[in-house]
Amino acid sequence: MEFKNARVIAKANIYFDGKVTSRTIYTEDGVRKTLGIFLPGEYSFNTDAEELMEILGGKVDIRLAGQEDFTLYTEGTDFTVPANSSFDLKVYEVTDYCCTYK
């Protein structure tokens, strides 16, 4: 994945005592994305906007709000989280991701 002519916000987004970090970028056409890393652990996130999460490397189980079961995602897979919702993660190994905000 490569973004040409993107604007990068240098300050990191840091969550869960540094176990989840990302950097915000804006593509040439103005789309906001974050590129980040999940370290092994369990996390919960809330969303404001719809998010497309692409797993670039690693292995995570995801449970979207309202679901009982987790679903495994690995390199090359993605999932969408609705706006004003939440999701839970179980991260089994260092996981690289790209989030696109809709």
Protein backbone atom coordinates (compact mmCIF):
# COMPACT_ATOMS: atom_id res chain seq x y z
CA MET A 1 0.00 0.00 0.00
CA GLU A 2 1.43 3.37 -1.01
CA PHE A 3 -0.01 6.87 -0.85
CA LYS A 4 1.47 9.47 -3.17
CA ASN A 5 1.15 13.18 -2.41
CA ALA A 6 -0.35 12.47 1.01
CA ARG A 7 -0.27 14.85 3.97
CA VAL A 8 0.96 13.19 7.18
CA ILE A 9 0.26 14.37 10.72
CA ALA A 10 3.52 13.66 12.56
CA LYS A 11 2.05 13.46 16.08
CA ALA A 12 1.10 9.88 16.95
CA ASN A 13 -2.32 8.75 18.11
CA ILE A 14 -1.52 6.66 21.20
CA TYR A 15 -4.00 4.40 23.00
CA PHE A 16 -3.86 1.79 25.78
CA ASP A 17 -0.52 2.91 27.25
CA GLY A 18 1.18 2.76 23.86
CA LYS A 19 -0.04 -0.71 22.91
CA VAL A 20 -2.00 0.77 20.00
CA THR A 21 -0.50 3.57 17.92
CA SER A 22 -1.24 5.19 14.59
CA ARG A 23 -0.44 8.18 12.39
CA THR A 24 -3.08 10.14 10.51
CA ILE A 25 -2.70 10.79 6.80
CA TYR A 26 -4.84 12.63 4.28
CA THR A 27 -4.73 11.35 0.74
CA GLU A 28 -4.40 13.66 -2.23
CA ASP A 29 -8.20 13.63 -2.62
CA GLY A 30 -8.75 14.48 1.08
CA VAL A 31 -9.64 11.05 2.48
CA ARG A 32 -8.58 10.62 6.14
CA LYS A 33 -6.78 7.40 7.04
CA THR A 34 -4.73 6.10 9.92
CA LEU A 35 -1.83 3.68 9.62
CA GLY A 36 -1.05 1.86 12.82
CA ILE A 37 0.01 -1.07 14.91
CA PHE A 38 -1.85 -3.17 17.49
CA LEU A 39 0.37 -4.97 20.01
CA PRO A 40 -0.96 -8.25 21.46
CA GLY A 41 -3.79 -7.72 23.93
CA GLU A 42 -7.53 -7.05 24.14
CA TYR A 43 -9.03 -3.67 23.25
CA SER A 44 -12.37 -1.95 22.68
CA PHE A 45 -12.91 1.07 20.42
CA ASN A 46 -15.86 3.36 19.70
CA THR A 47 -16.45 4.91 16.30
CA ASP A 48 -17.77 8.30 15.25
CA ALA A 49 -17.53 7.77 11.48
CA GLU A 50 -17.84 4.55 9.51
CA GLU A 51 -14.44 2.84 9.38
CA LEU A 52 -12.96 0.40 6.89
CA MET A 53 -10.21 -1.54 8.68
CA GLU A 54 -7.69 -3.31 6.45
CA ILE A 55 -5.36 -5.81 8.11
CA LEU A 56 -1.94 -5.41 6.48
CA GLY A 57 -0.19 -8.02 8.61
CA GLY A 58 -0.85 -9.98 11.80
CA LYS A 59 -3.79 -11.81 13.29
CA VAL A 60 -6.80 -10.43 15.23
CA ASP A 61 -10.25 -11.54 16.30
CA ILE A 62 -12.91 -8.83 15.90
CA ARG A 63 -16.38 -8.61 17.42
CA LEU A 64 -18.64 -5.83 16.17
CA ALA A 65 -21.25 -4.26 18.44
CA GLY A 66 -24.33 -6.46 18.70
CA GLN A 67 -22.50 -9.65 17.70
CA GLU A 68 -21.87 -12.52 20.09
CA ASP A 69 -18.96 -14.16 18.28
CA PHE A 70 -15.52 -12.98 17.23
CA THR A 71 -14.30 -13.33 13.62
CA LEU A 72 -10.65 -13.91 12.73
CA TYR A 73 -8.95 -11.43 10.37
CA THR A 74 -5.46 -11.84 8.97
CA GLU A 75 -3.24 -10.16 6.38
CA GLY A 76 -5.20 -9.11 3.30
CA THR A 77 -8.63 -9.10 4.94
CA ASP A 78 -10.82 -6.19 6.02
CA PHE A 79 -14.01 -5.33 7.87
CA THR A 80 -16.28 -2.31 8.20
CA VAL A 81 -17.46 -0.80 11.47
CA PRO A 82 -20.59 1.37 11.29
CA ALA A 83 -20.58 4.98 12.48
CA ASN A 84 -21.52 5.56 16.13
CA SER A 85 -20.74 1.97 17.03
CA SER A 86 -17.97 -0.06 18.63
CA PHE A 87 -15.80 -3.13 18.21
CA ASP A 88 -13.70 -5.41 20.39
CA LEU A 89 -10.33 -6.84 19.37
CA LYS A 90 -8.25 -9.78 20.54
CA VAL A 91 -4.79 -9.24 19.05
CA TYR A 92 -2.62 -12.38 18.93
CA GLU A 93 0.52 -10.96 17.31
CA VAL A 94 1.77 -7.54 16.27
CA THR A 95 -0.80 -6.41 13.71
CA ASP A 96 -0.35 -3.70 11.10
CA TYR A 97 -3.50 -1.94 9.88
CA CYS A 98 -4.92 0.85 7.73
CA CYS A 99 -8.19 2.50 8.74
CA THR A 100 -10.15 4.57 6.22
CA TYR A 101 -12.81 6.92 7.58
CA LYS A 102 -15.96 7.29 5.51
